[in-house]
């Protein structure tokens, strides 16, 4: 679909951006809006400069900056938080010219960077973006990069049609997509969630839902349900779930941890041998990678209705601090979005935001 070409005539030198320097004591305490911030360098090689329309928040946005010295070694300051985005191509390096200027794309960098998606422009490798399919809303696509690929990669190669999957934490950004992707792969899906999210998880396709606010012995309940082929854990609670997983996860099955409150705990689970009291099933700490075919597949699934990206809430650009405060509460039902630029103001009325 042809796009309006109301684009900057040269590489923009300044932009609006939410910036942090210390992220101490929290990211929210340090964030400030700069309307005259420096833009990313011009794209080179296979890089793409994208003007962000909508950004989606992820826990890594605040967890990584708050690491202290290790974070400073990874990310130059001042920096903008944010990974996920949907926006339009402004310019490309010589190896990314298959993406025409003005093309709407969605995606994310492979890790937190200095120029994140809470700045007006991001510069990413072309492998980190996919072209927005016709009929898919900008807001919806903005949340697919990190959560979508993480959910996809936690299951790919581990399950097939007929597999039994247990997803611990089914109502967050990754969990809601994980339910639907597992069903698209032909799996039987059991999930945990709170009472208020039971209907949501069933609506997304879960075959069995366990209310963790009521269930007193989750491990016994899972054992009664028979042997699972794969476990995907989004929350890490109860703390003994992995160590007892041999009671409900088949021999040779993998226990996939998505994120972790404690890196030390994850490393211990992965490396501590069974004969010294470690777990009896393989422990995998998943790290989302940018895979072009995965990004494209997620967009196609949204376009044909196979999956629905759940939106918890939408914040305007001036309210980024409040958006992160809500994310930190860990009570979201899907993704938190931020409108960085108004598509209508950029002559993109035909594409629109919303969901």
Protein backbone atom coordinates (compact mmCIF):
# COMPACT_ATOMS: atom_id res chain seq x y z
CA UNK A 1 0.00 0.00 0.00
CA UNK A 2 1.51 3.38 -0.97
CA UNK A 3 2.28 5.67 1.95
CA UNK A 4 2.36 9.44 2.23
CA UNK A 5 5.93 10.69 1.91
CA UNK A 6 5.74 13.61 4.35
CA UNK A 7 9.24 12.80 5.62
CA UNK A 8 12.21 14.84 6.82
CA UNK A 9 14.30 16.02 3.85
CA UNK A 10 17.55 15.20 5.69
CA UNK A 11 18.69 13.28 8.74
CA UNK A 12 16.96 14.90 11.75
CA UNK A 13 19.42 16.44 14.21
CA UNK A 14 17.08 16.86 17.19
CA UNK A 15 14.09 15.01 18.60
CA UNK A 16 11.88 14.72 21.63
CA UNK A 17 12.92 11.95 24.00
CA UNK A 18 12.42 10.66 27.52
CA UNK A 19 15.93 10.40 28.99
CA UNK A 20 17.60 8.94 32.07
CA UNK A 21 21.16 9.17 33.37
CA UNK A 22 21.34 7.28 36.68
CA UNK A 23 17.99 5.42 36.84
CA UNK A 24 18.39 5.74 40.59
CA UNK A 25 16.67 4.87 42.82
CA UNK A 26 14.30 3.87 40.02
CA UNK A 27 13.99 4.67 36.34
CA UNK A 28 10.82 6.68 36.98
CA UNK A 29 12.61 8.92 39.48
CA UNK A 30 15.23 9.87 36.91
CA UNK A 31 13.22 10.14 33.69
CA UNK A 32 12.79 13.59 32.18
CA UNK A 33 11.43 14.80 28.85
CA UNK A 34 13.87 16.61 26.55
CA UNK A 35 12.32 18.25 23.48
CA UNK A 36 15.74 19.04 22.01
CA UNK A 37 17.53 15.71 22.41
CA UNK A 38 20.17 14.29 20.12
CA UNK A 39 18.98 11.82 17.47
CA UNK A 40 20.60 8.47 16.68
CA UNK A 41 23.43 8.59 14.12
CA UNK A 42 22.44 8.17 10.46
CA UNK A 43 21.88 4.52 9.53
CA UNK A 44 24.75 2.58 8.00
CA UNK A 45 25.08 -0.91 6.58
CA UNK A 46 21.81 -2.77 7.14
CA UNK A 47 20.45 -0.28 9.66
CA UNK A 48 17.09 1.49 9.46
CA UNK A 49 16.10 4.84 10.99
CA UNK A 50 12.48 4.69 12.14
CA UNK A 51 10.22 7.46 13.41
CA UNK A 52 8.32 5.89 16.31
CA UNK A 53 4.53 6.17 16.31
CA UNK A 54 3.69 3.82 19.19
CA UNK A 55 6.00 2.19 21.73
CA UNK A 56 5.22 -0.74 24.04
CA UNK A 57 6.77 -1.18 27.47
CA UNK A 58 8.66 -4.21 28.81
CA UNK A 59 10.10 -4.96 32.28
CA UNK A 60 13.62 -4.92 30.79
CA UNK A 61 13.10 -1.20 30.12
CA UNK A 62 13.61 -0.48 33.82
CA UNK A 63 15.39 -3.61 35.04
CA UNK A 64 18.46 -3.13 32.84
CA UNK A 65 19.03 0.61 33.56
CA UNK A 66 18.66 -0.09 37.29
CA UNK A 67 21.54 -2.61 37.30
CA UNK A 68 23.99 0.16 38.15
CA UNK A 69 27.56 -0.12 36.87
CA UNK A 70 26.92 -3.11 34.55
CA UNK A 71 24.17 -1.09 32.89
CA UNK A 72 26.47 1.90 32.42
CA UNK A 73 28.97 -0.35 30.68
CA UNK A 74 26.26 -1.60 28.32
CA UNK A 75 24.36 1.63 27.59
CA UNK A 76 25.86 5.10 27.10
CA UNK A 77 24.09 7.92 28.95
CA UNK A 78 21.92 9.90 28.68
CA UNK A 79 19.67 7.23 27.20
CA UNK A 80 16.04 6.62 26.30
CA UNK A 81 14.31 3.46 27.56
CA UNK A 82 12.11 1.31 25.38
CA UNK A 83 12.44 -1.64 23.01
CA UNK A 84 9.16 -2.29 21.18
CA UNK A 85 7.86 0.08 18.53
CA UNK A 86 5.81 0.55 15.40
CA UNK A 87 6.75 3.45 13.14
CA UNK A 88 7.74 4.53 9.66
CA UNK A 89 11.05 4.23 7.87
CA UNK A 90 12.83 7.58 7.50
CA UNK A 91 16.07 6.38 5.91
CA UNK A 92 18.20 3.25 5.54
CA UNK A 93 21.78 2.16 5.17
CA UNK A 94 22.89 0.82 1.77
CA UNK A 95 22.16 -2.79 2.75
CA UNK A 96 18.56 -2.12 3.84
CA UNK A 97 17.20 -0.37 0.76
CA UNK A 98 14.51 -3.04 0.35
CA UNK A 99 12.67 -1.03 3.02
CA UNK A 100 11.41 2.04 1.20
CA UNK A 101 11.22 5.38 2.97
CA UNK A 102 7.77 5.82 4.50
CA UNK A 103 7.15 2.08 4.95
CA UNK A 104 5.39 1.23 8.21
CA UNK A 105 7.36 -1.32 10.23
CA UNK A 106 7.28 -2.88 13.70
CA UNK A 107 9.94 -4.55 15.79
CA UNK A 108 12.64 -3.93 18.38
CA UNK A 109 16.40 -3.83 18.89
CA UNK A 110 17.88 -7.11 20.22
CA UNK A 111 18.73 -5.53 23.60
CA UNK A 112 18.31 -2.21 25.47
CA UNK A 113 20.17 0.55 23.62
CA UNK A 114 21.02 4.22 24.11
CA UNK A 115 18.35 5.42 21.69
CA UNK A 116 15.29 3.45 22.81
CA UNK A 117 11.72 3.64 21.56
CA UNK A 118 10.70 6.32 24.08
CA UNK A 119 12.69 8.67 21.87
CA UNK A 120 11.13 9.96 18.66
CA UNK A 121 13.59 8.05 16.44
CA UNK A 122 15.24 4.64 16.72
CA UNK A 123 17.95 3.11 14.57
CA UNK A 124 17.90 -0.69 14.36
CA UNK A 125 19.21 -3.42 12.12
CA UNK A 126 16.78 -4.46 9.39
CA UNK A 127 16.63 -7.94 10.95
CA UNK A 128 14.80 -6.32 13.87
CA UNK A 129 11.82 -5.04 11.88
CA UNK A 130 9.02 -6.43 9.73
CA UNK A 131 6.67 -4.62 7.36
CA UNK A 132 3.26 -3.89 8.90
CA UNK A 133 0.68 -6.17 7.23
CA UNK A 134 -2.34 -4.51 5.70
CA UNK A 135 -5.22 -4.29 8.16
CA UNK A 136 -3.07 -4.50 11.31
CA UNK A 137 -3.30 -1.47 13.58
CA UNK A 138 -0.16 0.44 14.53
CA UNK A 139 -0.88 0.04 18.25
CA UNK A 140 -1.29 -3.72 17.96
CA UNK A 141 1.94 -4.24 16.03
CA UNK A 142 3.91 -2.12 18.50
CA UNK A 143 3.67 -4.82 21.16
CA UNK A 144 4.75 -7.79 19.06
CA UNK A 145 8.54 -7.44 19.02
CA UNK A 146 9.73 -8.55 22.45
CA UNK A 147 6.68 -10.33 23.92
CA UNK A 148 5.67 -11.94 20.64
CA UNK A 149 9.10 -13.28 19.76
CA UNK A 150 9.73 -14.38 23.35
CA UNK A 151 6.45 -16.31 23.46
CA UNK A 152 7.14 -17.84 20.04
CA UNK A 153 10.73 -18.82 20.84
CA UNK A 154 9.78 -20.34 24.20
CA UNK A 155 7.66 -22.89 22.32
CA UNK A 156 9.26 -23.35 18.90
CA UNK A 157 11.08 -26.66 18.58
CA UNK A 158 9.77 -27.85 21.94
CA UNK A 159 6.14 -28.64 21.11
CA UNK A 160 4.06 -29.95 18.24
CA UNK A 161 0.41 -30.75 17.55
CA UNK A 162 -0.98 -32.69 20.50
CA UNK A 163 1.64 -31.54 23.01
CA UNK A 164 0.55 -30.64 26.53
CA UNK A 165 1.91 -27.26 27.63
CA UNK A 166 1.78 -25.61 31.05
CA UNK A 167 2.16 -21.81 31.04
CA UNK A 168 2.74 -20.32 34.49
CA UNK A 169 1.35 -16.79 34.24
CA UNK A 170 -1.09 -16.50 31.37
CA UNK A 171 -2.39 -12.95 31.58
CA UNK A 172 0.67 -10.75 30.97
CA UNK A 173 2.14 -9.58 27.68
CA UNK A 174 4.05 -12.81 26.97
CA UNK A 175 1.51 -15.12 28.58
CA UNK A 176 -1.48 -13.92 26.57
CA UNK A 177 0.47 -14.37 23.34
CA UNK A 178 1.93 -17.68 24.51
CA UNK A 179 -1.54 -19.18 25.00
CA UNK A 180 -2.56 -18.26 21.47
CA UNK A 181 0.69 -19.33 19.82
CA UNK A 182 0.59 -22.69 21.60
CA UNK A 183 -2.99 -23.21 20.39
CA UNK A 184 -1.94 -22.22 16.85
CA UNK A 185 0.66 -25.00 17.10
CA UNK A 186 -2.05 -27.49 18.07
CA UNK A 187 -1.21 -27.82 21.77
CA UNK A 188 -3.36 -28.49 24.82
CA UNK A 189 -2.75 -25.52 27.12
CA UNK A 190 -3.01 -25.25 30.91
CA UNK A 191 -2.30 -21.86 32.49
CA UNK A 192 -2.29 -20.10 35.84
CA UNK A 193 -3.71 -16.65 36.48
CA UNK A 194 -5.60 -14.66 39.11
CA UNK A 195 -9.37 -14.87 39.54
CA UNK A 196 -10.06 -11.72 37.52
CA UNK A 197 -8.16 -13.07 34.49
CA UNK A 198 -9.74 -16.53 34.24
CA UNK A 199 -12.26 -15.46 31.60
CA UNK A 200 -9.53 -13.74 29.57
CA UNK A 201 -7.34 -16.85 29.48
CA UNK A 202 -10.24 -19.07 28.45
CA UNK A 203 -11.20 -16.57 25.75
CA UNK A 204 -7.67 -16.66 24.35
CA UNK A 205 -7.91 -20.43 23.99
CA UNK A 206 -6.61 -21.98 27.22
CA UNK A 207 -8.04 -25.47 27.78
CA UNK A 208 -7.57 -25.44 31.55
CA UNK A 209 -7.06 -22.50 33.90
CA UNK A 210 -5.78 -22.70 37.48
CA UNK A 211 -6.53 -19.78 39.81
CA UNK A 212 -3.28 -19.27 41.73
CA UNK A 213 -5.03 -17.08 44.31
CA UNK A 214 -7.17 -20.07 45.34
CA UNK A 215 -4.99 -23.12 44.62
CA UNK A 216 -2.96 -23.96 47.74
CA UNK A 217 -0.83 -26.74 46.22
CA UNK A 218 -0.08 -25.99 42.57
CA UNK A 219 2.45 -28.81 42.23
CA UNK A 220 -0.02 -31.47 43.36
CA UNK A 221 -2.66 -30.01 41.07
CA UNK A 222 -0.32 -30.18 38.09
CA UNK A 223 0.73 -33.73 38.99
CA UNK A 224 -2.93 -34.78 38.97
CA UNK A 225 -3.32 -33.40 35.45
CA UNK A 226 -0.76 -35.81 34.03
CA UNK A 227 2.54 -35.32 32.28
CA UNK A 228 3.28 -32.11 30.38
CA UNK A 229 5.60 -31.95 27.38
CA UNK A 230 6.81 -28.42 28.11
CA UNK A 231 6.60 -25.86 30.91
CA UNK A 232 6.89 -22.12 30.23
CA UNK A 233 7.26 -20.10 33.43
CA UNK A 234 6.62 -16.35 33.20
CA UNK A 235 6.55 -15.54 36.92
CA UNK A 236 8.87 -17.89 38.85
CA UNK A 237 6.36 -18.55 41.63
CA UNK A 238 6.13 -20.78 43.62
CA UNK A 239 9.89 -20.84 44.12
CA UNK A 240 10.05 -24.65 44.19
CA UNK A 241 8.12 -25.14 40.94
CA UNK A 242 11.20 -26.01 38.89
CA UNK A 243 12.72 -28.31 41.53
CA UNK A 244 9.46 -30.30 41.68
CA UNK A 245 8.82 -30.22 37.91
CA UNK A 246 9.87 -33.87 37.49
CA UNK A 247 6.51 -34.70 39.04
CA UNK A 248 4.57 -33.20 36.12
CA UNK A 249 7.07 -32.59 33.27
CA UNK A 250 8.05 -35.55 31.09
CA UNK A 251 11.59 -36.87 31.05
CA UNK A 252 13.38 -34.98 28.29
CA UNK A 253 10.90 -32.09 28.53
CA UNK A 254 12.23 -28.58 29.07
CA UNK A 255 11.39 -26.09 31.79
CA UNK A 256 11.55 -22.72 30.03
CA UNK A 257 12.00 -19.64 32.22
CA UNK A 258 10.94 -16.35 30.62
CA UNK A 259 12.72 -13.56 32.46
CA UNK A 260 13.61 -13.88 36.12
CA UNK A 261 13.47 -11.72 39.22
CA UNK A 262 16.86 -13.14 40.20
CA UNK A 263 19.61 -13.88 37.69
CA UNK A 264 21.53 -15.74 40.41
CA UNK A 265 18.55 -18.02 41.03
CA UNK A 266 18.26 -18.76 37.31
CA UNK A 267 21.96 -19.55 36.94
CA UNK A 268 21.76 -21.83 39.98
CA UNK A 269 18.81 -23.72 38.52
CA UNK A 270 20.55 -24.10 35.18
CA UNK A 271 23.92 -25.28 36.55
CA UNK A 272 23.25 -26.99 39.89
CA UNK A 273 23.59 -30.75 39.31
CA UNK A 274 20.77 -33.15 40.15
CA UNK A 275 22.89 -35.30 42.48
CA UNK A 276 23.52 -32.21 44.65
CA UNK A 277 19.83 -31.39 44.93
CA UNK A 278 19.30 -29.57 41.65
CA UNK A 279 16.29 -30.02 39.40
CA UNK A 280 15.74 -33.22 37.43
CA UNK A 281 14.56 -31.56 34.23
CA UNK A 282 16.45 -29.37 31.77
CA UNK A 283 16.20 -25.68 32.72
CA UNK A 284 16.31 -23.12 29.90
CA UNK A 285 16.44 -19.35 30.48
CA UNK A 286 14.99 -17.91 27.28
CA UNK A 287 16.45 -14.79 25.73
CA UNK A 288 14.45 -13.19 22.94
CA UNK A 289 16.30 -12.94 19.64
CA UNK A 290 15.34 -10.97 16.56
CA UNK A 291 14.39 -13.47 13.87
CA UNK A 292 12.83 -11.89 10.75
CA UNK A 293 10.62 -14.88 9.97
CA UNK A 294 9.28 -14.89 13.54
CA UNK A 295 8.43 -11.17 13.42
CA UNK A 296 6.73 -11.60 10.06
CA UNK A 297 4.80 -14.67 11.23
CA UNK A 298 3.48 -12.81 14.25
CA UNK A 299 2.18 -10.03 12.01
CA UNK A 300 0.53 -12.55 9.69
CA UNK A 301 -1.14 -14.27 12.64
CA UNK A 302 -2.56 -10.94 13.81
CA UNK A 303 -3.71 -10.10 10.29
CA UNK A 304 -5.61 -13.39 9.84
CA UNK A 305 -7.02 -13.41 13.37
CA UNK A 306 -5.03 -16.37 14.68
CA UNK A 307 -3.74 -14.27 17.58
CA UNK A 308 -4.94 -11.10 19.27
CA UNK A 309 -2.47 -8.76 20.95
CA UNK A 310 -4.00 -7.84 24.31
CA UNK A 311 -3.71 -4.18 25.32
CA UNK A 312 -3.82 -3.37 29.01
CA UNK A 313 -3.72 0.42 28.68
CA UNK A 314 -2.55 3.27 26.45
CA UNK A 315 -0.67 6.34 27.71
CA UNK A 316 0.08 9.60 25.97
CA UNK A 317 3.68 10.67 25.55
CA UNK A 318 3.53 13.14 28.42
CA UNK A 319 2.56 10.33 30.82
CA UNK A 320 5.50 7.93 30.36
CA UNK A 321 6.43 8.03 34.06
CA UNK A 322 2.93 6.91 35.05
CA UNK A 323 3.08 4.16 32.41
CA UNK A 324 6.23 2.70 33.95
CA UNK A 325 4.77 2.99 37.44
CA UNK A 326 1.87 0.85 36.30
CA UNK A 327 4.14 -1.67 34.57
CA UNK A 328 6.15 -2.12 37.77
CA UNK A 329 2.99 -3.20 39.65
CA UNK A 330 3.03 -6.48 37.64
CA UNK A 331 -0.75 -6.57 37.40
CA UNK A 332 -1.19 -5.94 33.69
CA UNK A 333 -3.51 -7.77 31.31
CA UNK A 334 -1.48 -7.58 28.12
CA UNK A 335 0.74 -4.74 26.91
CA UNK A 336 1.10 -1.13 28.04
CA UNK A 337 1.42 1.22 25.06
CA UNK A 338 2.65 4.80 24.68
CA UNK A 339 1.72 7.09 21.79
CA UNK A 340 4.97 8.76 20.77
CA UNK A 341 3.72 10.49 17.60
CA UNK A 342 0.19 10.98 16.28
CA UNK A 343 -0.24 9.23 12.90
CA UNK A 344 -2.89 11.77 11.91
CA UNK A 345 -0.47 14.64 12.43
CA UNK A 346 1.99 12.84 10.15
CA UNK A 347 -0.50 12.43 7.30
CA UNK A 348 -1.10 8.76 8.11
CA UNK A 349 -4.85 8.95 8.73
CA UNK A 350 -5.52 5.79 6.73
CA UNK A 351 -3.54 3.59 9.11
CA UNK A 352 -4.49 4.88 12.52
CA UNK A 353 -3.94 3.86 16.07
CA UNK A 354 -6.28 1.88 18.25
CA UNK A 355 -7.00 -1.81 18.64
